[in-house]
C-alpha cells in the first residue's frame, strides 16, 4: 500500500511539473529540443497511471508483457498530440494509431524475448 502511495505521489508530481511547464513557458521562445519535453512528460504520466491500473486489472499477465502493453497504449495520446500539433490529424489517423497499438501488442505476445 505504501508503494502505491509513493507511485501515486510520483505521478501527481509529474503532472504538476507538466502543468508548470505549460503555464510558465512560451513555445515561441523555446529551443526546438525543449518542445519535446511536454510530450515526454505526457508519456511518462500516462505510462505511470496505466501501469498502476494494469497492476490491478491484469494480475495474471507477466510483468514484462504488461509493461509493453502499457507502453504501447501510453504512446497513443502522445502520437495523437504530435500529429495534432502538426495539423495533420483526422479520424483515420486515430483509427490508424489504435490499429498500430493492437498490432504491437499482438506482435509482442508472439515474441520470445518477453518470456
PDB file of N, CA and C in Angstrom:
ATOM      1  N   UNK A   1       0.828  -1.200   0.000  1.00  0.00           N
ATOM      2  CA  UNK A   1       0.000   0.000   0.000  1.00  0.00           C
ATOM      3  C   UNK A   1       0.867   1.256   0.000  1.00  0.00           C
ATOM      4  N   UNK A   2       1.963   1.205   0.775  1.00  0.00           N
ATOM      5  CA  UNK A   2       2.862   2.358   0.835  1.00  0.00           C
ATOM      6  C   UNK A   2       3.520   2.613  -0.517  1.00  0.00           C
ATOM      7  N   UNK A   3       3.844   1.540  -1.221  1.00  0.00           N
ATOM      8  CA  UNK A   3       4.441   1.685  -2.554  1.00  0.00           C
ATOM      9  C   UNK A   3       3.460   2.328  -3.526  1.00  0.00           C
ATOM     10  N   UNK A   4       2.196   1.946  -3.431  1.00  0.00           N
ATOM     11  CA  UNK A   4       1.160   2.541  -4.279  1.00  0.00           C
ATOM     12  C   UNK A   4       1.028   4.035  -4.002  1.00  0.00           C
ATOM     13  N   UNK A   5       1.107   4.424  -2.742  1.00  0.00           N
ATOM     14  CA  UNK A   5       1.031   5.846  -2.380  1.00  0.00           C
ATOM     15  C   UNK A   5       2.228   6.601  -2.946  1.00  0.00           C
ATOM     16  N   UNK A   6       3.419   6.013  -2.862  1.00  0.00           N
ATOM     17  CA  UNK A   6       4.614   6.659  -3.416  1.00  0.00           C
ATOM     18  C   UNK A   6       4.508   6.832  -4.935  1.00  0.00           C
ATOM     19  N   UNK A   7       4.000   5.813  -5.613  1.00  0.00           N
ATOM     20  CA  UNK A   7       3.867   5.893  -7.064  1.00  0.00           C
ATOM     21  C   UNK A   7       2.802   6.915  -7.459  1.00  0.00           C
ATOM     22  N   UNK A   8       1.740   6.984  -6.680  1.00  0.00           N
ATOM     23  CA  UNK A   8       0.694   7.966  -6.955  1.00  0.00           C
ATOM     24  C   UNK A   8       1.226   9.383  -6.753  1.00  0.00           C
ATOM     25  N   UNK A   9       1.988   9.579  -5.699  1.00  0.00           N
ATOM     26  CA  UNK A   9       2.596  10.898  -5.465  1.00  0.00           C
ATOM     27  C   UNK A   9       3.549  11.247  -6.605  1.00  0.00           C
ATOM     28  N   UNK A  10       4.296  10.260  -7.104  1.00  0.00           N
ATOM     29  CA  UNK A  10       5.194  10.494  -8.238  1.00  0.00           C
ATOM     30  C   UNK A  10       4.433  10.919  -9.487  1.00  0.00           C
ATOM     31  N   UNK A  11       3.310  10.262  -9.750  1.00  0.00           N
ATOM     32  CA  UNK A  11       2.501  10.627 -10.922  1.00  0.00           C
ATOM     33  C   UNK A  11       1.903  12.017 -10.762  1.00  0.00           C
ATOM     34  N   UNK A  12       1.475  12.356  -9.556  1.00  0.00           N
ATOM     35  CA  UNK A  12       0.919  13.692  -9.308  1.00  0.00           C
ATOM     36  C   UNK A  12       2.003  14.756  -9.455  1.00  0.00           C
ATOM     37  N   UNK A  13       3.202  14.494  -8.954  1.00  0.00           N
ATOM     38  CA  UNK A  13       4.304  15.456  -9.104  1.00  0.00           C
ATOM     39  C   UNK A  13       4.677  15.644 -10.573  1.00  0.00           C
ATOM     40  N   UNK A  14       4.708  14.556 -11.307  1.00  0.00           N
ATOM     41  CA  UNK A  14       4.992  14.670 -12.737  1.00  0.00           C
ATOM     42  C   UNK A  14       3.932  15.496 -13.442  1.00  0.00           C
ATOM     43  N   UNK A  15       2.677  15.310 -13.058  1.00  0.00           N
ATOM     44  CA  UNK A  15       1.586  16.097 -13.651  1.00  0.00           C
ATOM     45  C   UNK A  15       1.725  17.570 -13.294  1.00  0.00           C
ATOM     46  N   UNK A  16       2.140  17.853 -12.067  1.00  0.00           N
ATOM     47  CA  UNK A  16       2.329  19.249 -11.653  1.00  0.00           C
ATOM     48  C   UNK A  16       3.481  19.892 -12.412  1.00  0.00           C
ATOM     49  N   UNK A  17       4.542  19.134 -12.649  1.00  0.00           N
ATOM     50  CA  UNK A  17       5.666  19.653 -13.442  1.00  0.00           C
ATOM     51  C   UNK A  17       5.199  19.950 -14.865  1.00  0.00           C
ATOM     52  N   UNK A  18       4.393  19.062 -15.409  1.00  0.00           N
ATOM     53  CA  UNK A  18       3.858  19.273 -16.750  1.00  0.00           C
ATOM     54  C   UNK A  18       2.996  20.524 -16.813  1.00  0.00           C
ATOM     55  N   UNK A  19       2.101  20.694 -15.848  1.00  0.00           N
ATOM     56  CA  UNK A  19       1.265  21.899 -15.816  1.00  0.00           C
ATOM     57  C   UNK A  19       2.113  23.162 -15.642  1.00  0.00           C
ATOM     58  N   UNK A  20       3.118  23.092 -14.780  1.00  0.00           N
ATOM     59  CA  UNK A  20       4.012  24.227 -14.603  1.00  0.00           C
ATOM     60  C   UNK A  20       4.751  24.575 -15.877  1.00  0.00           C
ATOM     61  N   UNK A  21       5.182  23.542 -16.601  1.00  0.00           N
ATOM     62  CA  UNK A  21       5.861  23.774 -17.870  1.00  0.00           C
ATOM     63  C   UNK A  21       4.934  24.467 -18.854  1.00  0.00           C
ATOM     64  N   UNK A  22       3.664  24.031 -18.897  1.00  0.00           N
ATOM     65  CA  UNK A  22       2.701  24.646 -19.813  1.00  0.00           C
ATOM     66  C   UNK A  22       2.426  26.103 -19.458  1.00  0.00           C
ATOM     67  N   UNK A  23       2.303  26.403 -18.179  1.00  0.00           N
ATOM     68  CA  UNK A  23       1.930  27.751 -17.766  1.00  0.00           C
ATOM     69  C   UNK A  23       3.108  28.727 -17.727  1.00  0.00           C
ATOM     70  N   UNK A  24       4.317  28.229 -17.537  1.00  0.00           N
ATOM     71  CA  UNK A  24       5.458  29.122 -17.348  1.00  0.00           C
ATOM     72  C   UNK A  24       6.326  29.292 -18.589  1.00  0.00           C
ATOM     73  N   UNK A  25       6.025  28.612 -19.655  1.00  0.00           N
ATOM     74  CA  UNK A  25       6.857  28.736 -20.854  1.00  0.00           C
ATOM     75  C   UNK A  25       6.031  29.224 -22.039  1.00  0.00           C
ATOM     76  N   UNK A  26       6.728  29.836 -22.954  1.00  0.00           N
ATOM     77  CA  UNK A  26       6.131  30.271 -24.204  1.00  0.00           C
ATOM     78  C   UNK A  26       6.789  29.459 -25.323  1.00  0.00           C
ATOM     79  N   UNK A  27       6.025  28.664 -26.054  1.00  0.00           N
ATOM     80  CA  UNK A  27       6.630  27.792 -27.073  1.00  0.00           C
ATOM     81  C   UNK A  27       7.440  28.539 -28.131  1.00  0.00           C
ATOM     82  N   UNK A  28       7.090  29.781 -28.411  1.00  0.00           N
ATOM     83  CA  UNK A  28       7.849  30.509 -29.431  1.00  0.00           C
ATOM     84  C   UNK A  28       9.221  30.946 -28.925  1.00  0.00           C
ATOM     85  N   UNK A  29       9.431  30.964 -27.606  1.00  0.00           N
ATOM     86  CA  UNK A  29      10.725  31.353 -27.048  1.00  0.00           C
ATOM     87  C   UNK A  29      11.637  30.168 -26.758  1.00  0.00           C
ATOM     88  N   UNK A  30      11.120  28.956 -26.858  1.00  0.00           N
ATOM     89  CA  UNK A  30      11.890  27.769 -26.506  1.00  0.00           C
ATOM     90  C   UNK A  30      12.697  27.250 -27.685  1.00  0.00           C
ATOM     91  N   UNK A  31      13.855  26.637 -27.394  1.00  0.00           N
ATOM     92  CA  UNK A  31      14.573  25.951 -28.473  1.00  0.00           C
ATOM     93  C   UNK A  31      13.796  24.709 -28.907  1.00  0.00           C
ATOM     94  N   UNK A  32      14.130  24.206 -30.061  1.00  0.00           N
ATOM     95  CA  UNK A  32      13.390  23.086 -30.635  1.00  0.00           C
ATOM     96  C   UNK A  32      13.419  21.850 -29.743  1.00  0.00           C
ATOM     97  N   UNK A  33      14.556  21.566 -29.135  1.00  0.00           N
ATOM     98  CA  UNK A  33      14.664  20.372 -28.289  1.00  0.00           C
ATOM     99  C   UNK A  33      13.742  20.453 -27.073  1.00  0.00           C
ATOM    100  N   UNK A  34      13.518  21.641 -26.549  1.00  0.00           N
ATOM    101  CA  UNK A  34      12.663  21.801 -25.364  1.00  0.00           C
ATOM    102  C   UNK A  34      11.190  21.616 -25.702  1.00  0.00           C
ATOM    103  N   UNK A  35      10.833  21.663 -26.960  1.00  0.00           N
ATOM    104  CA  UNK A  35       9.441  21.459 -27.342  1.00  0.00           C
ATOM    105  C   UNK A  35       9.006  20.005 -27.176  1.00  0.00           C
ATOM    106  N   UNK A  36       9.951  19.083 -27.073  1.00  0.00           N
ATOM    107  CA  UNK A  36       9.613  17.681 -26.880  1.00  0.00           C
ATOM    108  C   UNK A  36       9.387  17.327 -25.414  1.00  0.00           C
ATOM    109  N   UNK A  37       9.771  18.209 -24.496  1.00  0.00           N
ATOM    110  CA  UNK A  37       9.617  17.951 -23.068  1.00  0.00           C
ATOM    111  C   UNK A  37       8.165  17.690 -22.686  1.00  0.00           C
ATOM    112  N   UNK A  38       7.195  18.489 -23.121  1.00  0.00           N
ATOM    113  CA  UNK A  38       5.813  18.178 -22.731  1.00  0.00           C
ATOM    114  C   UNK A  38       5.336  16.823 -23.228  1.00  0.00           C
ATOM    115  N   UNK A  39       5.768  16.422 -24.408  1.00  0.00           N
ATOM    116  CA  UNK A  39       5.355  15.124 -24.933  1.00  0.00           C
ATOM    117  C   UNK A  39       5.956  13.980 -24.114  1.00  0.00           C
ATOM    118  N   UNK A  40       7.203  14.146 -23.689  1.00  0.00           N
ATOM    119  CA  UNK A  40       7.821  13.136 -22.834  1.00  0.00           C
ATOM    120  C   UNK A  40       7.138  13.072 -21.471  1.00  0.00           C
ATOM    121  N   UNK A  41       6.795  14.225 -20.921  1.00  0.00           N
ATOM    122  CA  UNK A  41       6.108  14.246 -19.633  1.00  0.00           C
ATOM    123  C   UNK A  41       4.708  13.647 -19.737  1.00  0.00           C
ATOM    124  N   UNK A  42       4.011  13.914 -20.827  1.00  0.00           N
ATOM    125  CA  UNK A  42       2.685  13.322 -21.025  1.00  0.00           C
ATOM    126  C   UNK A  42       2.805  11.801 -21.134  1.00  0.00           C
ATOM    127  N   UNK A  43       3.810  11.336 -21.853  1.00  0.00           N
ATOM    128  CA  UNK A  43       4.019   9.892 -21.959  1.00  0.00           C
ATOM    129  C   UNK A  43       4.328   9.293 -20.592  1.00  0.00           C
ATOM    130  N   UNK A  44       5.195   9.945 -19.826  1.00  0.00           N
ATOM    131  CA  UNK A  44       5.562   9.419 -18.512  1.00  0.00           C
ATOM    132  C   UNK A  44       4.359   9.380 -17.576  1.00  0.00           C
ATOM    133  N   UNK A  45       3.566  10.435 -17.556  1.00  0.00           N
ATOM    134  CA  UNK A  45       2.367  10.462 -16.699  1.00  0.00           C
ATOM    135  C   UNK A  45       1.383   9.377 -17.107  1.00  0.00           C
ATOM    136  N   UNK A  46       1.123   9.261 -18.393  1.00  0.00           N
ATOM    137  CA  UNK A  46       0.188   8.257 -18.881  1.00  0.00           C
ATOM    138  C   UNK A  46       0.696   6.850 -18.588  1.00  0.00           C
ATOM    139  N   UNK A  47       1.990   6.650 -18.769  1.00  0.00           N
ATOM    140  CA  UNK A  47       2.581   5.340 -18.500  1.00  0.00           C
ATOM    141  C   UNK A  47       2.452   4.968 -17.032  1.00  0.00           C
ATOM    142  N   UNK A  48       2.768   5.898 -16.138  1.00  0.00           N
ATOM    143  CA  UNK A  48       2.688   5.604 -14.708  1.00  0.00           C
ATOM    144  C   UNK A  48       1.259   5.294 -14.272  1.00  0.00           C
ATOM    145  N   UNK A  49       0.323   6.065 -14.757  1.00  0.00           N
ATOM    146  CA  UNK A  49      -1.074   5.844 -14.372  1.00  0.00           C
ATOM    147  C   UNK A  49      -1.577   4.508 -14.928  1.00  0.00           C
ATOM    148  N   UNK A  50      -1.290   4.236 -16.196  1.00  0.00           N
ATOM    149  CA  UNK A  50      -1.737   2.980 -16.797  1.00  0.00           C
ATOM    150  C   UNK A  50      -1.035   1.772 -16.183  1.00  0.00           C
ATOM    151  N   UNK A  51       0.201   1.950 -15.755  1.00  0.00           N
ATOM    152  CA  UNK A  51       0.909   0.840 -15.108  1.00  0.00           C
ATOM    153  C   UNK A  51       0.228   0.455 -13.806  1.00  0.00           C
ATOM    154  N   UNK A  52      -0.189   1.441 -13.032  1.00  0.00           N
ATOM    155  CA  UNK A  52      -0.885   1.141 -11.778  1.00  0.00           C
ATOM    156  C   UNK A  52      -2.241   0.508 -12.033  1.00  0.00           C
ATOM    157  N   UNK A  53      -2.947   0.981 -13.047  1.00  0.00           N
ATOM    158  CA  UNK A  53      -4.238   0.379 -13.392  1.00  0.00           C
ATOM    159  C   UNK A  53      -4.041  -1.054 -13.873  1.00  0.00           C
ATOM    160  N   UNK A  54      -2.985  -1.281 -14.647  1.00  0.00           N
ATOM    161  CA  UNK A  54      -2.737  -2.633 -15.161  1.00  0.00           C
ATOM    162  C   UNK A  54      -2.352  -3.594 -14.043  1.00  0.00           C
ATOM    163  N   UNK A  55      -1.706  -3.094 -12.999  1.00  0.00           N
ATOM    164  CA  UNK A  55      -1.384  -3.967 -11.867  1.00  0.00           C
ATOM    165  C   UNK A  55      -2.644  -4.455 -11.179  1.00  0.00           C
ATOM    166  N   UNK A  56      -3.676  -3.635 -11.185  1.00  0.00           N
ATOM    167  CA  UNK A  56      -4.936  -4.037 -10.564  1.00  0.00           C
ATOM    168  C   UNK A  56      -5.767  -4.939 -11.469  1.00  0.00           C
ATOM    169  N   UNK A  57      -5.756  -4.676 -12.779  1.00  0.00           N
ATOM    170  CA  UNK A  57      -6.647  -5.383 -13.690  1.00  0.00           C
ATOM    171  C   UNK A  57      -6.031  -6.622 -14.330  1.00  0.00           C
ATOM    172  N   UNK A  58      -4.724  -6.623 -14.537  1.00  0.00           N
ATOM    173  CA  UNK A  58      -4.081  -7.726 -15.263  1.00  0.00           C
ATOM    174  C   UNK A  58      -3.065  -8.432 -14.358  1.00  0.00           C
ATOM    175  N   UNK A  59      -3.538  -9.026 -13.285  1.00  0.00           N
ATOM    176  CA  UNK A  59      -2.637  -9.671 -12.327  1.00  0.00           C
ATOM    177  C   UNK A  59      -2.010 -10.946 -12.866  1.00  0.00           C
ATOM    178  N   UNK A  60      -2.688 -11.635 -13.768  1.00  0.00           N
ATOM    179  CA  UNK A  60      -2.177 -12.908 -14.272  1.00  0.00           C
ATOM    180  C   UNK A  60      -1.177 -12.741 -15.418  1.00  0.00           C
ATOM    181  N   UNK A  61      -1.039 -11.520 -15.941  1.00  0.00           N
ATOM    182  CA  UNK A  61      -0.144 -11.270 -17.069  1.00  0.00           C
ATOM    183  C   UNK A  61       1.267 -11.011 -16.538  1.00  0.00           C
ATOM    184  N   UNK A  62       2.270 -11.537 -17.245  1.00  0.00           N
ATOM    185  CA  UNK A  62       3.660 -11.331 -16.824  1.00  0.00           C
ATOM    186  C   UNK A  62       4.012  -9.849 -16.846  1.00  0.00           C
ATOM    187  N   UNK A  63       4.931  -9.469 -15.958  1.00  0.00           N
ATOM    188  CA  UNK A  63       5.310  -8.059 -15.807  1.00  0.00           C
ATOM    189  C   UNK A  63       5.882  -7.471 -17.090  1.00  0.00           C
ATOM    190  N   UNK A  64       6.764  -8.211 -17.758  1.00  0.00           N
ATOM    191  CA  UNK A  64       7.394  -7.662 -18.963  1.00  0.00           C
ATOM    192  C   UNK A  64       6.356  -7.434 -20.064  1.00  0.00           C
ATOM    193  N   UNK A  65       5.439  -8.369 -20.219  1.00  0.00           N
ATOM    194  CA  UNK A  65       4.401  -8.219 -21.242  1.00  0.00           C
ATOM    195  C   UNK A  65       3.447  -7.089 -20.885  1.00  0.00           C
ATOM    196  N   UNK A  66       3.101  -6.984 -19.611  1.00  0.00           N
ATOM    197  CA  UNK A  66       2.207  -5.918 -19.169  1.00  0.00           C
ATOM    198  C   UNK A  66       2.836  -4.541 -19.406  1.00  0.00           C
ATOM    199  N   UNK A  67       4.139  -4.418 -19.177  1.00  0.00           N
ATOM    200  CA  UNK A  67       4.812  -3.134 -19.411  1.00  0.00           C
ATOM    201  C   UNK A  67       4.834  -2.785 -20.897  1.00  0.00           C
ATOM    202  N   UNK A  68       4.991  -3.769 -21.764  1.00  0.00           N
ATOM    203  CA  UNK A  68       4.941  -3.498 -23.204  1.00  0.00           C
ATOM    204  C   UNK A  68       3.557  -3.028 -23.628  1.00  0.00           C
ATOM    205  N   UNK A  69       2.531  -3.655 -23.077  1.00  0.00           N
ATOM    206  CA  UNK A  69       1.159  -3.244 -23.393  1.00  0.00           C
ATOM    207  C   UNK A  69       0.918  -1.817 -22.924  1.00  0.00           C
ATOM    208  N   UNK A  70       1.305  -1.525 -21.689  1.00  0.00           N
ATOM    209  CA  UNK A  70       1.103  -0.181 -21.131  1.00  0.00           C
ATOM    210  C   UNK A  70       1.895   0.850 -21.926  1.00  0.00           C
ATOM    211  N   UNK A  71       3.117   0.525 -22.299  1.00  0.00           N
ATOM    212  CA  UNK A  71       3.926   1.449 -23.089  1.00  0.00           C
ATOM    213  C   UNK A  71       3.323   1.740 -24.451  1.00  0.00           C
ATOM    214  N   UNK A  72       2.759   0.704 -25.072  1.00  0.00           N
ATOM    215  CA  UNK A  72       2.126   0.897 -26.375  1.00  0.00           C
ATOM    216  C   UNK A  72       0.864   1.744 -26.251  1.00  0.00           C
ATOM    217  N   UNK A  73       0.068   1.496 -25.219  1.00  0.00           N
ATOM    218  CA  UNK A  73      -1.156   2.278 -25.033  1.00  0.00           C
ATOM    219  C   UNK A  73      -0.833   3.718 -24.656  1.00  0.00           C
ATOM    220  N   UNK A  74       0.209   3.919 -23.857  1.00  0.00           N
ATOM    221  CA  UNK A  74       0.595   5.280 -23.466  1.00  0.00           C
ATOM    222  C   UNK A  74       1.124   6.080 -24.649  1.00  0.00           C
ATOM    223  N   UNK A  75       1.531   5.393 -25.695  1.00  0.00           N
ATOM    224  CA  UNK A  75       2.029   6.066 -26.899  1.00  0.00           C
ATOM    225  C   UNK A  75       0.896   6.743 -27.675  1.00  0.00           C
ATOM    226  N   UNK A  76      -0.340   6.242 -27.554  1.00  0.00           N
ATOM    227  CA  UNK A  76      -1.459   6.759 -28.345  1.00  0.00           C
ATOM    228  C   UNK A  76      -1.689   8.253 -28.131  1.00  0.00           C
ATOM    229  N   UNK A  77      -1.879   8.736 -26.882  1.00  0.00           N
ATOM    230  CA  UNK A  77      -2.139  10.176 -26.750  1.00  0.00           C
ATOM    231  C   UNK A  77      -0.971  11.046 -27.211  1.00  0.00           C
ATOM    232  N   UNK A  78       0.255  10.572 -27.004  1.00  0.00           N
ATOM    233  CA  UNK A  78       1.419  11.354 -27.433  1.00  0.00           C
ATOM    234  C   UNK A  78       1.472  11.431 -28.954  1.00  0.00           C
ATOM    235  N   UNK A  79       1.243  10.319 -29.630  1.00  0.00           N
ATOM    236  CA  UNK A  79       1.258  10.321 -31.089  1.00  0.00           C
ATOM    237  C   UNK A  79       0.134  11.179 -31.653  1.00  0.00           C
ATOM    238  N   UNK A  80      -1.027  11.106 -31.026  1.00  0.00           N
ATOM    239  CA  UNK A  80      -2.134  11.939 -31.488  1.00  0.00           C
ATOM    240  C   UNK A  80      -1.845  13.420 -31.270  1.00  0.00           C
ATOM    241  N   UNK A  81      -1.245  13.769 -30.153  1.00  0.00           N
ATOM    242  CA  UNK A  81      -0.895  15.174 -29.908  1.00  0.00           C
ATOM    243  C   UNK A  81       0.169  15.662 -30.877  1.00  0.00           C
ATOM    244  N   UNK A  82       1.126  14.805 -31.199  1.00  0.00           N
ATOM    245  CA  UNK A  82       2.168  15.196 -32.154  1.00  0.00           C
ATOM    246  C   UNK A  82       1.576  15.474 -33.530  1.00  0.00           C
ATOM    247  N   UNK A  83       0.692  14.604 -33.981  1.00  0.00           N
ATOM    248  CA  UNK A  83       0.095  14.842 -35.290  1.00  0.00           C
ATOM    249  C   UNK A  83      -0.893  16.003 -35.245  1.00  0.00           C
ATOM    250  N   UNK A  84      -1.555  16.182 -34.110  1.00  0.00           N
ATOM    251  CA  UNK A  84      -2.482  17.298 -33.965  1.00  0.00           C
ATOM    252  C   UNK A  84      -1.737  18.629 -33.981  1.00  0.00           C
ATOM    253  N   UNK A  85      -0.563  18.658 -33.348  1.00  0.00           N
ATOM    254  CA  UNK A  85       0.206  19.904 -33.330  1.00  0.00           C
ATOM    255  C   UNK A  85       0.752  20.250 -34.711  1.00  0.00           C
ATOM    256  N   UNK A  86       0.893  19.246 -35.558  1.00  0.00           N
ATOM    257  CA  UNK A  86       1.340  19.499 -36.925  1.00  0.00           C
ATOM    258  C   UNK A  86       0.171  19.777 -37.859  1.00  0.00           C
ATOM    259  N   UNK A  87      -1.047  19.713 -37.327  1.00  0.00           N
ATOM    260  CA  UNK A  87      -2.225  19.978 -38.138  1.00  0.00           C
ATOM    261  C   UNK A  87      -2.538  18.861 -39.108  1.00  0.00           C
ATOM    262  N   UNK A  88      -2.199  17.642 -38.750  1.00  0.00           N
ATOM    263  CA  UNK A  88      -2.351  16.524 -39.677  1.00  0.00           C
ATOM    264  C   UNK A  88      -3.309  15.443 -39.185  1.00  0.00           C
ATOM    265  N   UNK A  89      -4.104  15.715 -38.169  1.00  0.00           N
ATOM    266  CA  UNK A  89      -4.924  14.666 -37.575  1.00  0.00           C
ATOM    267  C   UNK A  89      -6.344  14.683 -38.118  1.00  0.00           C
ATOM    268  N   UNK A  90      -6.838  13.497 -38.456  1.00  0.00           N
ATOM    269  CA  UNK A  90      -8.248  13.320 -38.766  1.00  0.00           C
ATOM    270  C   UNK A  90      -8.669  11.952 -38.225  1.00  0.00           C
ATOM    271  N   UNK A  91      -9.884  11.528 -38.514  1.00  0.00           N
ATOM    272  CA  UNK A  91     -10.429  10.306 -37.919  1.00  0.00           C
ATOM    273  C   UNK A  91      -9.634   9.064 -38.317  1.00  0.00           C
ATOM    274  N   UNK A  92      -9.141   9.028 -39.535  1.00  0.00           N
ATOM    275  CA  UNK A  92      -8.400   7.835 -39.944  1.00  0.00           C
ATOM    276  C   UNK A  92      -7.055   7.731 -39.221  1.00  0.00           C
ATOM    277  N   UNK A  93      -6.463   8.860 -38.823  1.00  0.00           N
ATOM    278  CA  UNK A  93      -5.229   8.801 -38.050  1.00  0.00           C
ATOM    279  C   UNK A  93      -5.455   8.192 -36.672  1.00  0.00           C
ATOM    280  N   UNK A  94      -6.568   8.557 -36.053  1.00  0.00           N
ATOM    281  CA  UNK A  94      -6.906   7.996 -34.743  1.00  0.00           C
ATOM    282  C   UNK A  94      -7.073   6.483 -34.863  1.00  0.00           C
ATOM    283  N   UNK A  95      -7.818   6.042 -35.846  1.00  0.00           N
ATOM    284  CA  UNK A  95      -8.001   4.605 -36.065  1.00  0.00           C
ATOM    285  C   UNK A  95      -6.683   3.916 -36.395  1.00  0.00           C
ATOM    286  N   UNK A  96      -5.833   4.593 -37.145  1.00  0.00           N
ATOM    287  CA  UNK A  96      -4.538   4.027 -37.502  1.00  0.00           C
ATOM    288  C   UNK A  96      -3.655   3.830 -36.271  1.00  0.00           C
ATOM    289  N   UNK A  97      -3.661   4.786 -35.348  1.00  0.00           N
ATOM    290  CA  UNK A  97      -2.860   4.641 -34.128  1.00  0.00           C
ATOM    291  C   UNK A  97      -3.376   3.508 -33.259  1.00  0.00           C
ATOM    292  N   UNK A  98      -4.701   3.375 -33.143  1.00  0.00           N
ATOM    293  CA  UNK A  98      -5.247   2.266 -32.370  1.00  0.00           C
ATOM    294  C   UNK A  98      -4.900   0.930 -33.019  1.00  0.00           C
ATOM    295  N   UNK A  99      -4.978   0.853 -34.327  1.00  0.00           N
ATOM    296  CA  UNK A  99      -4.604  -0.359 -35.035  1.00  0.00           C
ATOM    297  C   UNK A  99      -3.126  -0.676 -34.842  1.00  0.00           C
ATOM    298  N   UNK A 100      -2.289   0.337 -34.890  1.00  0.00           N
ATOM    299  CA  UNK A 100      -0.857   0.148 -34.664  1.00  0.00           C
ATOM    300  C   UNK A 100      -0.587  -0.415 -33.276  1.00  0.00           C
ATOM    301  N   UNK A 101      -1.269   0.101 -32.272  1.00  0.00           N
ATOM    302  CA  UNK A 101      -1.071  -0.389 -30.904  1.00  0.00           C
ATOM    303  C   UNK A 101      -1.554  -1.837 -30.777  1.00  0.00           C
ATOM    304  N   UNK A 102      -2.671  -2.145 -31.384  1.00  0.00           N
ATOM    305  CA  UNK A 102      -3.170  -3.527 -31.338  1.00  0.00           C
ATOM    306  C   UNK A 102      -2.191  -4.471 -32.024  1.00  0.00           C
ATOM    307  N   UNK A 103      -1.646  -4.046 -33.154  1.00  0.00           N
ATOM    308  CA  UNK A 103      -0.650  -4.871 -33.843  1.00  0.00           C
ATOM    309  C   UNK A 103       0.622  -5.023 -33.020  1.00  0.00           C
ATOM    310  N   UNK A 104       1.053  -3.969 -32.341  1.00  0.00           N
ATOM    311  CA  UNK A 104       2.234  -4.064 -31.479  1.00  0.00           C
ATOM    312  C   UNK A 104       2.004  -5.035 -30.324  1.00  0.00           C
ATOM    313  N   UNK A 105       0.833  -4.947 -29.714  1.00  0.00           N
ATOM    314  CA  UNK A 105       0.520  -5.856 -28.613  1.00  0.00           C
ATOM    315  C   UNK A 105       0.496  -7.295 -29.108  1.00  0.00           C
ATOM    316  N   UNK A 106      -0.104  -7.526 -30.259  1.00  0.00           N
ATOM    317  CA  UNK A 106      -0.132  -8.871 -30.840  1.00  0.00           C
ATOM    318  C   UNK A 106       1.281  -9.349 -31.157  1.00  0.00           C
ATOM    319  N   UNK A 107       2.101  -8.485 -31.723  1.00  0.00           N
ATOM    320  CA  UNK A 107       3.473  -8.852 -32.064  1.00  0.00           C
ATOM    321  C   UNK A 107       4.269  -9.221 -30.819  1.00  0.00           C
ATOM    322  N   UNK A 108       4.160  -8.401 -29.774  1.00  0.00           N
ATOM    323  CA  UNK A 108       4.906  -8.685 -28.550  1.00  0.00           C
ATOM    324  C   UNK A 108       4.395  -9.930 -27.846  1.00  0.00           C
ATOM    325  N   UNK A 109       3.136 -10.279 -28.039  1.00  0.00           N
ATOM    326  CA  UNK A 109       2.627 -11.501 -27.425  1.00  0.00           C
ATOM    327  C   UNK A 109       3.202 -12.739 -28.099  1.00  0.00           C
ATOM    328  N   UNK A 110       3.636 -12.594 -29.352  1.00  0.00           N
ATOM    329  CA  UNK A 110       4.167 -13.733 -30.107  1.00  0.00           C
ATOM    330  C   UNK A 110       5.691 -13.844 -30.044  1.00  0.00           C
ATOM    331  N   UNK A 111       6.365 -12.855 -29.514  1.00  0.00           N
ATOM    332  CA  UNK A 111       7.832 -12.906 -29.476  1.00  0.00           C
ATOM    333  C   UNK A 111       8.309 -13.668 -28.253  1.00  0.00           C
ATOM    334  N   UNK A 112       9.529 -14.166 -28.332  1.00  0.00           N
ATOM    335  CA  UNK A 112      10.098 -14.946 -27.244  1.00  0.00           C
ATOM    336  C   UNK A 112      10.887 -14.117 -26.244  1.00  0.00           C
ATOM    337  N   UNK A 113      11.263 -12.909 -26.582  1.00  0.00           N
ATOM    338  CA  UNK A 113      12.119 -12.139 -25.692  1.00  0.00           C
ATOM    339  C   UNK A 113      11.386 -11.609 -24.472  1.00  0.00           C
ATOM    340  N   UNK A 114      10.071 -11.719 -24.426  1.00  0.00           N
ATOM    341  CA  UNK A 114       9.317 -11.304 -23.248  1.00  0.00           C
ATOM    342  C   UNK A 114       9.124 -12.436 -22.257  1.00  0.00           C
ATOM    343  N   UNK A 115       9.557 -13.629 -22.595  1.00  0.00           N
ATOM    344  CA  UNK A 115       9.339 -14.783 -21.714  1.00  0.00           C
ATOM    345  C   UNK A 115      10.495 -15.010 -20.798  1.00  0.00           C
TER     346      UNK A 115
END
